[in-house]
Protein backbone atom coordinates (compact mmCIF):
# COMPACT_ATOMS: atom_id res chain seq x y z
CA MET A 1 -14.57 -16.66 78.66
CA LYS A 2 -16.58 -13.72 77.45
CA PRO A 3 -19.87 -14.91 75.93
CA ALA A 4 -20.23 -14.41 72.18
CA CYS A 5 -23.81 -13.25 72.62
CA PRO A 6 -24.12 -11.74 76.03
CA GLY A 7 -27.43 -10.01 75.64
CA PRO A 8 -29.06 -8.19 78.56
CA GLU A 9 -29.63 -9.86 81.91
CA GLY A 10 -33.15 -11.17 82.21
CA TYR A 11 -33.87 -10.78 78.49
CA ARG A 12 -37.33 -11.66 77.31
CA PRO A 13 -38.52 -11.04 73.72
CA LEU A 14 -41.24 -8.40 73.49
CA LEU A 15 -43.00 -10.28 70.68
CA SER A 16 -43.95 -13.92 70.45
CA PRO A 17 -42.45 -16.06 67.64
CA LYS A 18 -45.68 -15.79 65.69
CA GLU A 19 -45.83 -11.99 66.10
CA THR A 20 -42.15 -11.77 65.16
CA GLU A 21 -42.71 -13.56 61.85
CA GLY A 22 -45.57 -11.19 60.97
CA ALA A 23 -43.55 -8.15 61.99
CA ILE A 24 -40.58 -9.21 59.79
CA ARG A 25 -42.88 -9.33 56.72
CA LEU A 26 -44.34 -5.96 57.60
CA ILE A 27 -40.90 -4.37 58.04
CA LYS A 28 -39.50 -5.69 54.80
CA GLU A 29 -42.46 -4.70 52.70
CA PHE A 30 -42.66 -1.20 54.21
CA PHE A 31 -38.95 -0.46 54.16
CA GLN A 32 -38.15 -1.41 50.61
CA THR A 33 -41.17 0.41 49.25
CA ASN A 34 -40.20 3.64 51.03
CA LEU A 35 -36.50 3.32 50.22
CA ALA A 36 -37.34 2.88 46.53
CA PHE A 37 -39.53 5.97 46.56
CA GLU A 38 -37.02 8.11 48.52
CA LEU A 39 -34.05 7.36 46.28
CA ASN A 40 -35.91 6.78 42.97
CA LEU A 41 -34.90 3.12 42.71
CA MET A 42 -36.37 0.35 40.60
CA ARG A 43 -36.38 -3.26 41.83
CA VAL A 44 -34.20 -5.68 39.89
CA THR A 45 -33.60 -9.43 40.10
CA ALA A 46 -30.15 -10.21 41.48
CA PRO A 47 -27.91 -13.25 41.04
CA LEU A 48 -27.25 -15.71 43.85
CA PHE A 49 -23.92 -16.59 42.24
CA VAL A 50 -21.53 -15.14 39.63
CA GLU A 51 -18.66 -16.55 37.59
CA ALA A 52 -15.37 -16.68 39.45
CA GLY A 53 -12.41 -14.73 38.12
CA THR A 54 -14.45 -11.85 36.72
CA GLY A 55 -13.94 -9.42 39.62
CA ILE A 56 -17.74 -9.09 39.99
CA ASN A 57 -18.07 -10.73 43.42
CA ASP A 58 -17.45 -8.51 46.45
CA ASP A 59 -14.35 -9.14 48.54
CA LEU A 60 -15.70 -6.96 51.39
CA ASN A 61 -12.55 -6.19 53.38
CA GLY A 62 -10.46 -7.66 50.59
CA VAL A 63 -9.65 -11.00 52.21
CA GLU A 64 -12.90 -12.96 52.67
CA LYS A 65 -13.22 -16.08 50.52
CA PRO A 66 -16.58 -16.89 48.94
CA VAL A 67 -18.31 -20.25 48.68
CA SER A 68 -17.60 -21.67 45.22
CA PHE A 69 -18.57 -24.67 43.15
CA ALA A 70 -17.96 -26.17 39.73
CA VAL A 71 -20.66 -25.85 37.02
CA LYS A 72 -20.84 -29.30 35.38
CA SER A 73 -22.74 -28.09 32.29
CA ALA A 74 -20.07 -25.44 31.62
CA GLY A 75 -17.10 -27.78 31.68
CA GLY A 76 -16.27 -27.18 35.33
CA VAL A 77 -16.26 -23.40 35.26
CA ARG A 78 -16.22 -22.10 38.85
CA ALA A 79 -19.11 -20.08 40.20
CA GLU A 80 -19.14 -18.15 43.50
CA ILE A 81 -22.00 -17.44 45.85
CA VAL A 82 -22.18 -13.65 46.13
CA GLN A 83 -21.04 -11.90 49.30
CA SER A 84 -22.67 -8.68 48.23
CA LEU A 85 -23.56 -7.04 44.94
CA ALA A 86 -21.46 -3.88 45.08
CA LYS A 87 -19.84 -4.35 41.67
CA TRP A 88 -22.64 -6.30 39.97
CA LYS A 89 -25.05 -3.43 40.62
CA ARG A 90 -22.84 -0.91 38.89
CA MET A 91 -22.69 -3.01 35.77
CA ALA A 92 -26.46 -3.39 35.95
CA LEU A 93 -26.87 0.41 35.97
CA ALA A 94 -24.92 0.58 32.70
CA ASP A 95 -26.67 -2.41 31.11
CA LEU A 96 -30.12 -1.01 31.97
CA GLY A 97 -29.19 2.47 30.68
CA LEU A 98 -30.18 4.34 33.83
CA ALA A 99 -29.60 8.09 33.94
CA PRO A 100 -28.25 10.31 36.76
CA GLY A 101 -30.80 10.35 39.60
CA GLU A 102 -32.09 6.89 38.73
CA GLY A 103 -31.15 3.71 40.50
CA LEU A 104 -31.94 0.17 41.42
CA TYR A 105 -32.19 -2.10 44.42
CA ALA A 106 -32.14 -5.84 44.87
CA ASP A 107 -33.31 -8.16 47.61
CA MET A 108 -29.91 -9.75 48.11
CA ASN A 109 -29.15 -13.05 49.80
CA ALA A 110 -25.57 -14.12 50.35
CA ILE A 111 -23.30 -16.50 52.18
CA ARG A 112 -20.18 -15.26 53.95
CA PRO A 113 -18.29 -18.35 55.17
CA ASP A 114 -15.45 -16.41 56.79
CA GLU A 115 -17.78 -14.44 59.06
CA THR A 116 -17.09 -14.59 62.79
CA LEU A 117 -20.39 -15.67 64.28
CA ASP A 118 -21.89 -13.69 67.14
CA CYS A 119 -25.18 -12.02 68.02
CA THR A 120 -25.10 -9.66 65.01
CA HIS A 121 -23.03 -11.65 62.45
CA SER A 122 -24.25 -14.72 60.55
CA LEU A 123 -23.12 -16.94 57.68
CA TYR A 124 -26.34 -15.97 55.94
CA VAL A 125 -26.68 -12.34 54.89
CA ASP A 126 -29.86 -10.65 53.68
CA GLN A 127 -29.77 -7.00 52.72
CA TRP A 128 -31.16 -4.44 50.35
CA ASP A 129 -28.35 -3.73 47.89
CA TRP A 130 -28.96 -0.46 46.13
CA GLU A 131 -27.09 1.67 43.57
CA ARG A 132 -27.86 5.01 41.91
CA VAL A 133 -26.28 6.87 39.00
CA ILE A 134 -24.70 10.23 39.87
CA ARG A 135 -23.10 13.17 38.07
CA PRO A 136 -19.42 14.12 38.29
CA GLU A 137 -20.33 17.12 40.48
CA ASP A 138 -22.05 14.79 42.98
CA ARG A 139 -18.76 13.20 43.98
CA ARG A 140 -18.50 15.19 47.22
CA VAL A 141 -19.32 14.80 50.91
CA ALA A 142 -22.28 17.18 50.76
CA PHE A 143 -24.08 14.91 48.31
CA LEU A 144 -23.15 11.83 50.34
CA LYS A 145 -24.62 13.41 53.43
CA ASP A 146 -27.85 14.25 51.60
CA ILE A 147 -28.32 10.60 50.59
CA VAL A 148 -27.51 9.41 54.12
CA ARG A 149 -30.13 11.76 55.58
CA ARG A 150 -32.73 10.42 53.16
CA ILE A 151 -31.94 6.83 54.08
CA TYR A 152 -32.02 7.67 57.79
CA ASP A 153 -35.43 9.29 57.35
CA VAL A 154 -36.70 6.01 55.90
CA ILE A 155 -35.16 4.12 58.82
CA ARG A 156 -36.98 6.37 61.33
CA ARG A 157 -40.22 6.29 59.35
CA ALA A 158 -40.17 2.47 59.44
CA GLU A 159 -39.47 2.44 63.18
CA LYS A 160 -42.59 4.56 63.76
CA TYR A 161 -44.64 2.32 61.51
CA VAL A 162 -43.55 -0.76 63.46
CA ALA A 163 -44.36 0.89 66.78
CA PHE A 164 -47.83 1.87 65.48
CA ASN A 165 -48.56 -1.78 64.68
CA TYR A 166 -46.86 -3.20 67.80
CA PRO A 167 -47.34 -0.77 70.74
CA ALA A 168 -44.88 -2.68 72.94
CA LEU A 169 -42.09 -1.41 70.68
CA ALA A 170 -41.61 2.30 71.40
CA PRO A 171 -39.49 4.36 68.96
CA MET A 172 -36.03 5.27 70.26
CA LEU A 173 -34.01 6.67 67.31
CA PRO A 174 -33.08 10.38 67.42
CA ASP A 175 -34.59 12.83 64.93
CA GLU A 176 -31.29 13.54 63.20
CA ILE A 177 -28.17 11.59 62.30
CA ALA A 178 -24.77 13.07 63.15
CA PHE A 179 -21.74 13.03 60.84
CA VAL A 180 -18.15 12.47 61.94
CA HIS A 181 -15.02 11.55 60.05
CA SER A 182 -13.03 8.53 61.19
CA ALA A 183 -9.95 10.77 61.52
CA GLU A 184 -11.87 13.07 63.87
CA LEU A 185 -12.92 10.05 65.95
CA GLU A 186 -9.26 9.05 66.17
CA ARG A 187 -8.34 12.58 67.28
CA ARG A 188 -11.06 12.64 69.93
CA TYR A 189 -10.41 9.14 71.30
CA PRO A 190 -6.74 8.27 70.59
CA ASP A 191 -6.61 5.59 73.27
CA LEU A 192 -9.71 3.74 72.05
CA SER A 193 -10.02 1.08 69.34
CA PRO A 194 -12.10 1.95 66.25
CA ARG A 195 -15.02 -0.08 67.60
CA GLU A 196 -14.83 1.69 70.97
CA ARG A 197 -14.76 5.05 69.17
CA GLU A 198 -17.99 4.06 67.42
CA HIS A 199 -19.57 3.16 70.75
CA ALA A 200 -18.61 6.56 72.18
CA ALA A 201 -20.00 8.44 69.16
CA CYS A 202 -23.25 6.50 69.18
CA ARG A 203 -23.70 7.08 72.92
CA GLU A 204 -23.24 10.80 72.33
CA HIS A 205 -25.44 11.22 69.28
CA GLY A 206 -27.77 8.21 69.10
CA ALA A 207 -27.19 7.82 65.34
CA VAL A 208 -23.93 8.49 63.48
CA PHE A 209 -22.53 8.26 59.99
CA VAL A 210 -18.78 7.61 60.18
CA ILE A 211 -17.13 8.99 57.05
CA GLY A 212 -13.89 7.77 55.50
CA ILE A 213 -13.46 4.03 56.07
CA GLY A 214 -10.63 2.27 54.33
CA ALA A 215 -7.77 4.78 54.19
CA ALA A 216 -4.95 4.81 56.74
CA LEU A 217 -5.45 7.18 59.67
CA GLY A 218 -2.80 9.04 61.67
CA ASN A 219 -1.72 5.83 63.43
CA GLY A 220 -1.13 4.15 60.05
CA ALA A 221 -4.14 1.81 60.22
CA PRO A 222 -7.62 2.32 58.68
CA HIS A 223 -10.71 2.69 60.85
CA ASP A 224 -11.89 -0.53 59.21
CA GLY A 225 -11.02 -2.46 56.06
CA ARG A 226 -12.58 -1.85 52.64
CA ALA A 227 -11.84 -3.55 49.35
CA PRO A 228 -10.15 -1.24 46.86
CA ASP A 229 -12.61 -1.49 44.00
CA TYR A 230 -16.05 -0.30 45.08
CA ASP A 231 -16.16 2.55 47.70
CA ASP A 232 -13.94 5.58 47.15
CA TRP A 233 -11.99 5.87 50.41
CA SER A 234 -8.89 7.62 49.04
CA THR A 235 -10.12 10.86 47.37
CA PRO A 236 -9.55 14.08 49.33
CA ASN A 237 -12.91 15.69 50.05
CA GLU A 238 -14.10 19.29 50.51
CA GLU A 239 -14.04 19.00 54.33
CA GLY A 240 -10.28 18.51 54.45
CA HIS A 241 -10.37 14.73 55.01
CA THR A 242 -10.06 11.69 52.85
CA GLY A 243 -12.87 9.45 51.62
CA LEU A 244 -16.39 9.54 50.22
CA ASN A 245 -17.89 6.59 52.03
CA GLY A 246 -18.95 5.45 55.45
CA ASP A 247 -21.24 3.43 57.79
CA ILE A 248 -24.59 4.22 59.38
CA LEU A 249 -24.48 3.30 63.08
CA VAL A 250 -27.02 3.67 65.83
CA ASP A 251 -26.89 3.27 69.58
CA TYR A 252 -28.56 -0.02 70.57
CA PRO A 253 -28.55 -0.20 74.42
CA LEU A 254 -29.88 -3.77 74.33
CA LEU A 255 -26.48 -4.89 73.00
CA GLY A 256 -24.47 -2.22 74.73
CA GLY A 257 -23.36 0.15 71.99
CA ALA A 258 -22.92 0.90 68.34
CA PHE A 259 -25.06 -1.16 65.93
CA GLU A 260 -24.18 -1.03 62.22
CA LEU A 261 -27.13 -0.83 59.82
CA SER A 262 -25.51 0.10 56.53
CA SER A 263 -22.19 0.36 54.69
CA MET A 264 -22.30 2.68 51.71
CA GLY A 265 -20.51 5.31 49.72
CA ILE A 266 -19.70 7.09 46.47
CA ARG A 267 -18.01 4.53 44.27
CA VAL A 268 -14.57 4.66 42.75
CA ASP A 269 -14.01 6.45 39.44
CA ARG A 270 -11.14 5.50 37.14
CA GLU A 271 -8.58 7.63 38.97
CA SER A 272 -9.45 6.45 42.50
CA LEU A 273 -9.68 2.80 41.34
CA ARG A 274 -6.15 2.94 39.96
CA ARG A 275 -4.95 4.68 43.16
CA GLN A 276 -6.63 2.20 45.52
CA LEU A 277 -5.46 -0.84 43.63
CA GLU A 278 -1.93 0.56 43.89
CA LEU A 279 -2.28 1.34 47.59
CA SER A 280 -3.56 -2.15 48.32
CA GLY A 281 -1.00 -3.92 46.14
CA GLN A 282 -3.68 -5.39 43.87
CA THR A 283 -2.98 -3.79 40.52
CA HIS A 284 -3.43 -7.23 38.90
CA ARG A 285 -7.20 -6.75 39.29
CA LYS A 286 -7.17 -4.24 36.43
CA GLU A 287 -7.34 -7.24 34.07
CA LEU A 288 -10.66 -8.52 35.45
CA LEU A 289 -13.94 -7.92 33.65
CA PHE A 290 -15.46 -5.42 36.08
CA HIS A 291 -12.27 -3.40 36.35
CA ARG A 292 -11.69 -3.37 32.55
CA ARG A 293 -15.21 -2.03 32.03
CA LEU A 294 -14.74 0.69 34.66
CA LEU A 295 -11.35 1.79 33.42
CA ALA A 296 -12.67 1.86 29.84
CA GLY A 297 -15.40 4.31 30.87
CA GLU A 298 -18.24 1.85 30.29
CA LEU A 299 -19.73 2.14 33.79
CA PRO A 300 -21.52 5.22 35.18
CA LEU A 301 -20.44 7.12 38.25
CA SER A 302 -22.54 5.90 41.15
CA ILE A 303 -23.33 5.82 44.84
CA GLY A 304 -24.60 2.72 46.58
CA GLY A 305 -24.56 0.46 49.56
CA GLY A 306 -26.20 -2.33 51.49
CA ILE A 307 -28.79 -2.08 54.28
CA GLY A 308 -29.05 -5.12 56.49
CA GLN A 309 -32.54 -6.57 56.56
CA SER A 310 -32.08 -8.80 59.61
CA ARG A 311 -30.18 -6.02 61.36
CA LEU A 312 -33.06 -3.58 60.90
CA CYS A 313 -35.52 -6.17 62.10
CA MET A 314 -33.39 -6.78 65.17
CA LEU A 315 -33.40 -3.11 65.98
CA TYR A 316 -37.11 -2.48 65.40
CA LEU A 317 -38.20 -5.64 67.23
CA ARG A 318 -35.68 -5.17 70.08
CA LYS A 319 -34.05 -8.59 69.58
CA ALA A 320 -30.86 -9.68 71.30
CA HIS A 321 -29.63 -12.04 68.52
CA ILE A 322 -29.81 -12.04 64.76
CA GLY A 323 -30.81 -15.70 65.01
CA GLU A 324 -34.17 -14.53 66.36
CA ILE A 325 -34.81 -13.03 62.94
CA GLN A 326 -33.25 -15.42 60.43
CA ALA A 327 -32.70 -19.15 60.23
CA SER A 328 -28.97 -19.82 59.94
CA TYR A 329 -26.29 -22.12 61.37
CA TRP A 330 -25.15 -21.58 64.92
CA PRO A 331 -22.54 -23.66 66.76
CA PRO A 332 -24.01 -25.93 69.49
CA ALA A 333 -22.19 -23.97 72.18
CA MET A 334 -23.81 -20.74 71.02
CA ARG A 335 -27.26 -22.31 70.91
CA LYS A 336 -26.80 -23.61 74.45
CA GLU A 337 -25.62 -20.19 75.69
CA CYS A 338 -28.52 -18.42 74.05
CA ALA A 339 -31.05 -20.87 75.44
CA ALA A 340 -29.65 -20.32 78.95
CA ARG A 341 -30.10 -16.58 78.48
CA GLY A 342 -33.66 -16.77 77.20
CA ILE A 343 -32.79 -16.02 73.60
CA PRO A 344 -34.86 -18.23 71.23
CA LEU A 345 -32.93 -18.91 67.99
CA LEU A 346 -34.86 -19.96 64.89
């Protein structure tokens, strides 16, 4: 059986547990401060749970089920632990009255019970969820690329800051991030799976933003799944492809290939929301609170995404398992396997 968390042979952490805890604090403080400055974002307080049946919680690929519970003081109304804040943030932009060029970010903690556990996926999710108001003319790939470059600059800046404070951790990210559409990856590597295409692109460029995730490609399947009601993956763009969203991936030799740091994109407008609900067979969602507000024109156009906190710390600190960064649940067999390979889980 292939191990769930293979890691490199002879792996030994470069930092002690005590140094690791200090480095995590340093990374999180530095990164969020620089991200907020770069994208003109204000910090907001985010919910841990939202009311079920409102359409506010994030369905991620459209099938994951959130943790839910009954609220005794509200007559048994169901609440759901958030999986991300993609739709909540957009409502917050409207409720706070933010203007084009202004945005927000939240220090988001979530539980994703349907996650398949491995060295980069956990039940517990911590990320910076951010959202920024845009203008109608910003709904194009050129604007998306500009925002991606700004975020990647913060990612590189933070890597250099960590290396300055911990000399054992030499920077390895390339100076620039490359852009490629998922349809182009399919054309280049028709015999590879989407994940294998990402590995190939990251090996070639070091850092890649894969555009257009969610719409069907030439083989009839999407590069990866996306829910129909946050990222716009169906609008034709000025480069002759479809989609205004994507993922930031970097080459991480320690784990043998592509390493996802962020999923983000220009969000649906009224037209693309209707289209994507139709394409996904989920037109009934139009009656939910979030969708009603969007279709009524009450929510601003926006761009946003999530940046994995533990993922970034893994990369910067050269860790082989996300459990070296965060305390979460791991099956006994995985703990035993990691211990045998010299991977200390928290």
